[in-house]
């Protein structure tokens, strides 16, 4: 289910869709962002889809069951 509401704090005339992408626990934040950026670039190159005005990674929830990853910050 997707919840919809009017965000009265918007300063631009745009809609925002928040989407959760899920990755295996051995995928680092940097790798995940690169994967999502690649997905977005495919959508940007497809002129038959609606235009996006941008995307911003804001949160990366890490599994408590994962093994430590060397490049974690």
PDB file of N, CA and C in Angstrom:
ATOM      1  N   UNK A   1       0.846  -1.181   0.000  1.00  0.00           N
ATOM      2  CA  UNK A   1       0.000   0.000   0.000  1.00  0.00           C
ATOM      3  C   UNK A   1       0.892   1.246   0.000  1.00  0.00           C
ATOM      4  N   UNK A   2       0.495   2.226  -0.747  1.00  0.00           N
ATOM      5  CA  UNK A   2       1.222   3.489  -0.807  1.00  0.00           C
ATOM      6  C   UNK A   2       0.341   4.573  -0.196  1.00  0.00           C
ATOM      7  N   UNK A   3       0.872   5.260   0.780  1.00  0.00           N
ATOM      8  CA  UNK A   3       0.143   6.366   1.404  1.00  0.00           C
ATOM      9  C   UNK A   3       0.379   7.639   0.611  1.00  0.00           C
ATOM     10  N   UNK A   4      -0.670   8.416   0.419  1.00  0.00           N
ATOM     11  CA  UNK A   4      -0.565   9.673  -0.317  1.00  0.00           C
ATOM     12  C   UNK A   4      -1.065  10.810   0.555  1.00  0.00           C
ATOM     13  N   UNK A   5      -0.361  11.918   0.509  1.00  0.00           N
ATOM     14  CA  UNK A   5      -0.771  13.093   1.266  1.00  0.00           C
ATOM     15  C   UNK A   5      -0.271  14.346   0.552  1.00  0.00           C
ATOM     16  N   UNK A   6      -0.840  15.470   0.892  1.00  0.00           N
ATOM     17  CA  UNK A   6      -0.399  16.754   0.355  1.00  0.00           C
ATOM     18  C   UNK A   6       0.625  17.319   1.327  1.00  0.00           C
ATOM     19  N   UNK A   7       1.842  17.534   0.844  1.00  0.00           N
ATOM     20  CA  UNK A   7       2.922  18.067   1.678  1.00  0.00           C
ATOM     21  C   UNK A   7       2.931  19.586   1.537  1.00  0.00           C
ATOM     22  N   UNK A   8       2.387  20.244   2.513  1.00  0.00           N
ATOM     23  CA  UNK A   8       2.265  21.707   2.471  1.00  0.00           C
ATOM     24  C   UNK A   8       3.614  22.416   2.602  1.00  0.00           C
ATOM     25  N   UNK A   9       4.682  21.682   2.918  1.00  0.00           N
ATOM     26  CA  UNK A   9       5.995  22.309   3.078  1.00  0.00           C
ATOM     27  C   UNK A   9       6.777  22.384   1.765  1.00  0.00           C
ATOM     28  N   UNK A  10       6.222  21.862   0.674  1.00  0.00           N
ATOM     29  CA  UNK A  10       6.926  21.891  -0.614  1.00  0.00           C
ATOM     30  C   UNK A  10       7.162  23.324  -1.067  1.00  0.00           C
ATOM     31  N   UNK A  11       8.337  23.554  -1.622  1.00  0.00           N
ATOM     32  CA  UNK A  11       8.647  24.866  -2.185  1.00  0.00           C
ATOM     33  C   UNK A  11       8.709  24.813  -3.711  1.00  0.00           C
ATOM     34  N   UNK A  12       8.673  23.597  -4.278  1.00  0.00           N
ATOM     35  CA  UNK A  12       8.666  23.411  -5.728  1.00  0.00           C
ATOM     36  C   UNK A  12       7.396  22.686  -6.143  1.00  0.00           C
ATOM     37  N   UNK A  13       6.961  22.900  -7.375  1.00  0.00           N
ATOM     38  CA  UNK A  13       5.769  22.220  -7.892  1.00  0.00           C
ATOM     39  C   UNK A  13       6.179  20.855  -8.420  1.00  0.00           C
ATOM     40  N   UNK A  14       6.366  19.911  -7.505  1.00  0.00           N
ATOM     41  CA  UNK A  14       6.752  18.559  -7.892  1.00  0.00           C
ATOM     42  C   UNK A  14       6.185  17.555  -6.889  1.00  0.00           C
ATOM     43  N   UNK A  15       6.011  16.344  -7.353  1.00  0.00           N
ATOM     44  CA  UNK A  15       5.572  15.251  -6.495  1.00  0.00           C
ATOM     45  C   UNK A  15       6.791  14.431  -6.110  1.00  0.00           C
ATOM     46  N   UNK A  16       6.746  13.790  -4.945  1.00  0.00           N
ATOM     47  CA  UNK A  16       7.861  12.976  -4.472  1.00  0.00           C
ATOM     48  C   UNK A  16       7.345  11.575  -4.160  1.00  0.00           C
ATOM     49  N   UNK A  17       7.967  10.571  -4.760  1.00  0.00           N
ATOM     50  CA  UNK A  17       7.654   9.176  -4.481  1.00  0.00           C
ATOM     51  C   UNK A  17       8.826   8.574  -3.725  1.00  0.00           C
ATOM     52  N   UNK A  18       8.569   8.036  -2.551  1.00  0.00           N
ATOM     53  CA  UNK A  18       9.614   7.391  -1.754  1.00  0.00           C
ATOM     54  C   UNK A  18       9.527   5.897  -2.016  1.00  0.00           C
ATOM     55  N   UNK A  19      10.655   5.303  -2.417  1.00  0.00           N
ATOM     56  CA  UNK A  19      10.698   3.893  -2.795  1.00  0.00           C
ATOM     57  C   UNK A  19      11.797   3.198  -2.008  1.00  0.00           C
ATOM     58  N   UNK A  20      11.516   2.009  -1.515  1.00  0.00           N
ATOM     59  CA  UNK A  20      12.530   1.195  -0.849  1.00  0.00           C
ATOM     60  C   UNK A  20      13.106   0.200  -1.846  1.00  0.00           C
ATOM     61  N   UNK A  21      14.417   0.220  -2.024  1.00  0.00           N
ATOM     62  CA  UNK A  21      15.122  -0.794  -2.795  1.00  0.00           C
ATOM     63  C   UNK A  21      15.775  -1.723  -1.785  1.00  0.00           C
ATOM     64  N   UNK A  22      15.724  -3.015  -2.030  1.00  0.00           N
ATOM     65  CA  UNK A  22      16.321  -3.978  -1.105  1.00  0.00           C
ATOM     66  C   UNK A  22      17.489  -4.685  -1.773  1.00  0.00           C
ATOM     67  N   UNK A  23      18.557  -4.901  -0.996  1.00  0.00           N
ATOM     68  CA  UNK A  23      19.780  -5.513  -1.495  1.00  0.00           C
ATOM     69  C   UNK A  23      20.218  -6.605  -0.533  1.00  0.00           C
ATOM     70  N   UNK A  24      21.035  -7.536  -1.031  1.00  0.00           N
ATOM     71  CA  UNK A  24      21.641  -8.522  -0.144  1.00  0.00           C
ATOM     72  C   UNK A  24      22.465  -7.795   0.911  1.00  0.00           C
ATOM     73  N   UNK A  25      22.649  -8.418   2.062  1.00  0.00           N
ATOM     74  CA  UNK A  25      23.321  -7.742   3.176  1.00  0.00           C
ATOM     75  C   UNK A  25      24.806  -7.476   2.925  1.00  0.00           C
ATOM     76  N   UNK A  26      25.389  -8.077   1.892  1.00  0.00           N
ATOM     77  CA  UNK A  26      26.798  -7.806   1.597  1.00  0.00           C
ATOM     78  C   UNK A  26      26.993  -6.636   0.632  1.00  0.00           C
ATOM     79  N   UNK A  27      25.905  -5.958   0.261  1.00  0.00           N
ATOM     80  CA  UNK A  27      25.988  -4.797  -0.634  1.00  0.00           C
ATOM     81  C   UNK A  27      26.204  -3.546   0.216  1.00  0.00           C
ATOM     82  N   UNK A  28      27.269  -2.808  -0.093  1.00  0.00           N
ATOM     83  CA  UNK A  28      27.566  -1.586   0.656  1.00  0.00           C
ATOM     84  C   UNK A  28      26.639  -0.452   0.214  1.00  0.00           C
ATOM     85  N   UNK A  29      26.622   0.599   1.012  1.00  0.00           N
ATOM     86  CA  UNK A  29      25.830   1.783   0.676  1.00  0.00           C
ATOM     87  C   UNK A  29      26.280   2.356  -0.671  1.00  0.00           C
ATOM     88  N   UNK A  30      27.576   2.451  -0.866  1.00  0.00           N
ATOM     89  CA  UNK A  30      28.106   2.993  -2.127  1.00  0.00           C
ATOM     90  C   UNK A  30      27.660   2.146  -3.326  1.00  0.00           C
ATOM     91  N   UNK A  31      27.726   0.822  -3.197  1.00  0.00           N
ATOM     92  CA  UNK A  31      27.294  -0.064  -4.281  1.00  0.00           C
ATOM     93  C   UNK A  31      25.801   0.113  -4.550  1.00  0.00           C
ATOM     94  N   UNK A  32      25.009   0.196  -3.495  1.00  0.00           N
ATOM     95  CA  UNK A  32      23.559   0.341  -3.646  1.00  0.00           C
ATOM     96  C   UNK A  32      23.214   1.638  -4.371  1.00  0.00           C
ATOM     97  N   UNK A  33      23.881   2.715  -4.008  1.00  0.00           N
ATOM     98  CA  UNK A  33      23.624   4.006  -4.660  1.00  0.00           C
ATOM     99  C   UNK A  33      23.988   3.932  -6.141  1.00  0.00           C
ATOM    100  N   UNK A  34      25.106   3.279  -6.467  1.00  0.00           N
ATOM    101  CA  UNK A  34      25.498   3.137  -7.876  1.00  0.00           C
ATOM    102  C   UNK A  34      24.467   2.336  -8.663  1.00  0.00           C
ATOM    103  N   UNK A  35      23.933   1.271  -8.048  1.00  0.00           N
ATOM    104  CA  UNK A  35      22.913   0.457  -8.717  1.00  0.00           C
ATOM    105  C   UNK A  35      21.662   1.289  -8.988  1.00  0.00           C
ATOM    106  N   UNK A  36      21.204   2.033  -7.983  1.00  0.00           N
ATOM    107  CA  UNK A  36      20.001   2.856  -8.155  1.00  0.00           C
ATOM    108  C   UNK A  36      20.256   3.949  -9.189  1.00  0.00           C
ATOM    109  N   UNK A  37      21.432   4.569  -9.152  1.00  0.00           N
ATOM    110  CA  UNK A  37      21.767   5.584 -10.166  1.00  0.00           C
ATOM    111  C   UNK A  37      21.693   5.004 -11.573  1.00  0.00           C
ATOM    112  N   UNK A  38      22.158   3.762 -11.746  1.00  0.00           N
ATOM    113  CA  UNK A  38      22.114   3.119 -13.059  1.00  0.00           C
ATOM    114  C   UNK A  38      20.669   2.873 -13.493  1.00  0.00           C
ATOM    115  N   UNK A  39      19.830   2.410 -12.570  1.00  0.00           N
ATOM    116  CA  UNK A  39      18.408   2.201 -12.873  1.00  0.00           C
ATOM    117  C   UNK A  39      17.763   3.518 -13.306  1.00  0.00           C
ATOM    118  N   UNK A  40      18.061   4.583 -12.580  1.00  0.00           N
ATOM    119  CA  UNK A  40      17.492   5.900 -12.893  1.00  0.00           C
ATOM    120  C   UNK A  40      17.980   6.389 -14.255  1.00  0.00           C
ATOM    121  N   UNK A  41      19.240   6.131 -14.587  1.00  0.00           N
ATOM    122  CA  UNK A  41      19.758   6.594 -15.884  1.00  0.00           C
ATOM    123  C   UNK A  41      19.043   5.892 -17.035  1.00  0.00           C
ATOM    124  N   UNK A  42      18.674   4.627 -16.857  1.00  0.00           N
ATOM    125  CA  UNK A  42      17.894   3.936 -17.889  1.00  0.00           C
ATOM    126  C   UNK A  42      16.543   4.611 -18.072  1.00  0.00           C
ATOM    127  N   UNK A  43      15.899   4.966 -16.978  1.00  0.00           N
ATOM    128  CA  UNK A  43      14.590   5.625 -17.066  1.00  0.00           C
ATOM    129  C   UNK A  43      14.722   6.999 -17.713  1.00  0.00           C
ATOM    130  N   UNK A  44      15.780   7.730 -17.390  1.00  0.00           N
ATOM    131  CA  UNK A  44      15.996   9.057 -17.969  1.00  0.00           C
ATOM    132  C   UNK A  44      16.216   8.988 -19.475  1.00  0.00           C
ATOM    133  N   UNK A  45      16.777   7.888 -19.962  1.00  0.00           N
ATOM    134  CA  UNK A  45      17.054   7.748 -21.394  1.00  0.00           C
ATOM    135  C   UNK A  45      15.860   7.229 -22.186  1.00  0.00           C
ATOM    136  N   UNK A  46      14.779   6.867 -21.498  1.00  0.00           N
ATOM    137  CA  UNK A  46      13.581   6.344 -22.148  1.00  0.00           C
ATOM    138  C   UNK A  46      12.577   7.491 -22.306  1.00  0.00           C
ATOM    139  N   UNK A  47      12.480   8.041 -23.494  1.00  0.00           N
ATOM    140  CA  UNK A  47      11.621   9.204 -23.730  1.00  0.00           C
ATOM    141  C   UNK A  47      10.131   8.898 -23.644  1.00  0.00           C
ATOM    142  N   UNK A  48       9.761   7.598 -23.546  1.00  0.00           N
ATOM    143  CA  UNK A  48       8.339   7.259 -23.469  1.00  0.00           C
ATOM    144  C   UNK A  48       7.807   7.332 -22.037  1.00  0.00           C
ATOM    145  N   UNK A  49       8.688   7.529 -21.047  1.00  0.00           N
ATOM    146  CA  UNK A  49       8.248   7.602 -19.651  1.00  0.00           C
ATOM    147  C   UNK A  49       8.110   9.053 -19.222  1.00  0.00           C
ATOM    148  N   UNK A  50       7.426   9.251 -18.113  1.00  0.00           N
ATOM    149  CA  UNK A  50       7.305  10.595 -17.548  1.00  0.00           C
ATOM    150  C   UNK A  50       8.683  11.080 -17.100  1.00  0.00           C
ATOM    151  N   UNK A  51       8.907  12.363 -17.139  1.00  0.00           N
ATOM    152  CA  UNK A  51      10.196  12.919 -16.785  1.00  0.00           C
ATOM    153  C   UNK A  51      10.357  13.023 -15.270  1.00  0.00           C
ATOM    154  N   UNK A  52      11.528  12.600 -14.791  1.00  0.00           N
ATOM    155  CA  UNK A  52      11.884  12.775 -13.391  1.00  0.00           C
ATOM    156  C   UNK A  52      12.707  14.045 -13.272  1.00  0.00           C
ATOM    157  N   UNK A  53      12.568  14.723 -12.142  1.00  0.00           N
ATOM    158  CA  UNK A  53      13.349  15.944 -11.936  1.00  0.00           C
ATOM    159  C   UNK A  53      14.592  15.700 -11.093  1.00  0.00           C
ATOM    160  N   UNK A  54      14.755  14.484 -10.555  1.00  0.00           N
ATOM    161  CA  UNK A  54      15.948  14.160  -9.784  1.00  0.00           C
ATOM    162  C   UNK A  54      15.672  13.057  -8.781  1.00  0.00           C
ATOM    163  N   UNK A  55      16.733  12.622  -8.113  1.00  0.00           N
ATOM    164  CA  UNK A  55      16.589  11.651  -7.028  1.00  0.00           C
ATOM    165  C   UNK A  55      17.710  11.885  -6.021  1.00  0.00           C
ATOM    166  N   UNK A  56      17.415  11.599  -4.751  1.00  0.00           N
ATOM    167  CA  UNK A  56      18.366  11.855  -3.688  1.00  0.00           C
ATOM    168  C   UNK A  56      18.348  10.709  -2.684  1.00  0.00           C
ATOM    169  N   UNK A  57      19.430   9.953  -2.552  1.00  0.00           N
ATOM    170  CA  UNK A  57      19.489   8.946  -1.500  1.00  0.00           C
ATOM    171  C   UNK A  57      19.493   9.646  -0.136  1.00  0.00           C
ATOM    172  N   UNK A  58      18.631   9.201   0.770  1.00  0.00           N
ATOM    173  CA  UNK A  58      18.547   9.863   2.072  1.00  0.00           C
ATOM    174  C   UNK A  58      18.696   8.940   3.265  1.00  0.00           C
ATOM    175  N   UNK A  59      18.563   7.621   3.063  1.00  0.00           N
ATOM    176  CA  UNK A  59      18.615   6.699   4.190  1.00  0.00           C
ATOM    177  C   UNK A  59      19.064   5.338   3.696  1.00  0.00           C
ATOM    178  N   UNK A  60      19.947   4.678   4.445  1.00  0.00           N
ATOM    179  CA  UNK A  60      20.368   3.322   4.111  1.00  0.00           C
ATOM    180  C   UNK A  60      20.288   2.493   5.383  1.00  0.00           C
ATOM    181  N   UNK A  61      19.288   1.637   5.470  1.00  0.00           N
ATOM    182  CA  UNK A  61      19.098   0.781   6.642  1.00  0.00           C
ATOM    183  C   UNK A  61      19.918  -0.491   6.457  1.00  0.00           C
ATOM    184  N   UNK A  62      20.770  -0.802   7.431  1.00  0.00           N
ATOM    185  CA  UNK A  62      21.687  -1.932   7.334  1.00  0.00           C
ATOM    186  C   UNK A  62      21.176  -3.085   8.191  1.00  0.00           C
ATOM    187  N   UNK A  63      21.238  -4.284   7.651  1.00  0.00           N
ATOM    188  CA  UNK A  63      20.792  -5.487   8.361  1.00  0.00           C
ATOM    189  C   UNK A  63      21.667  -5.760   9.583  1.00  0.00           C
ATOM    190  N   UNK A  64      21.076  -6.074  10.719  1.00  0.00           N
ATOM    191  CA  UNK A  64      21.882  -6.424  11.881  1.00  0.00           C
ATOM    192  C   UNK A  64      22.519  -7.809  11.729  1.00  0.00           C
ATOM    193  N   UNK A  65      22.116  -8.564  10.725  1.00  0.00           N
ATOM    194  CA  UNK A  65      22.616  -9.916  10.508  1.00  0.00           C
ATOM    195  C   UNK A  65      23.782  -9.978   9.523  1.00  0.00           C
ATOM    196  N   UNK A  66      24.143  -8.862   8.929  1.00  0.00           N
ATOM    197  CA  UNK A  66      25.195  -8.844   7.921  1.00  0.00           C
ATOM    198  C   UNK A  66      26.556  -8.999   8.558  1.00  0.00           C
ATOM    199  N   UNK A  67      27.519  -9.422   7.753  1.00  0.00           N
ATOM    200  CA  UNK A  67      28.909  -9.447   8.179  1.00  0.00           C
ATOM    201  C   UNK A  67      29.486  -8.058   7.912  1.00  0.00           C
ATOM    202  N   UNK A  68      30.467  -7.669   8.670  1.00  0.00           N
ATOM    203  CA  UNK A  68      31.074  -6.363   8.481  1.00  0.00           C
ATOM    204  C   UNK A  68      31.649  -6.238   7.083  1.00  0.00           C
ATOM    205  N   UNK A  69      31.459  -5.068   6.471  1.00  0.00           N
ATOM    206  CA  UNK A  69      31.950  -4.803   5.123  1.00  0.00           C
ATOM    207  C   UNK A  69      33.119  -3.826   5.253  1.00  0.00           C
ATOM    208  N   UNK A  70      34.216  -4.108   4.608  1.00  0.00           N
ATOM    209  CA  UNK A  70      35.456  -3.328   4.765  1.00  0.00           C
ATOM    210  C   UNK A  70      35.287  -1.848   4.436  1.00  0.00           C
ATOM    211  N   UNK A  71      34.447  -1.519   3.425  1.00  0.00           N
ATOM    212  CA  UNK A  71      34.342  -0.114   3.014  1.00  0.00           C
ATOM    213  C   UNK A  71      33.211   0.631   3.714  1.00  0.00           C
ATOM    214  N   UNK A  72      32.631   0.061   4.777  1.00  0.00           N
ATOM    215  CA  UNK A  72      31.613   0.780   5.557  1.00  0.00           C
ATOM    216  C   UNK A  72      32.259   1.993   6.218  1.00  0.00           C
ATOM    217  N   UNK A  73      31.451   3.008   6.398  1.00  0.00           N
ATOM    218  CA  UNK A  73      31.957   4.221   7.048  1.00  0.00           C
ATOM    219  C   UNK A  73      31.673   4.185   8.526  1.00  0.00           C
TER     220      UNK A  73
END
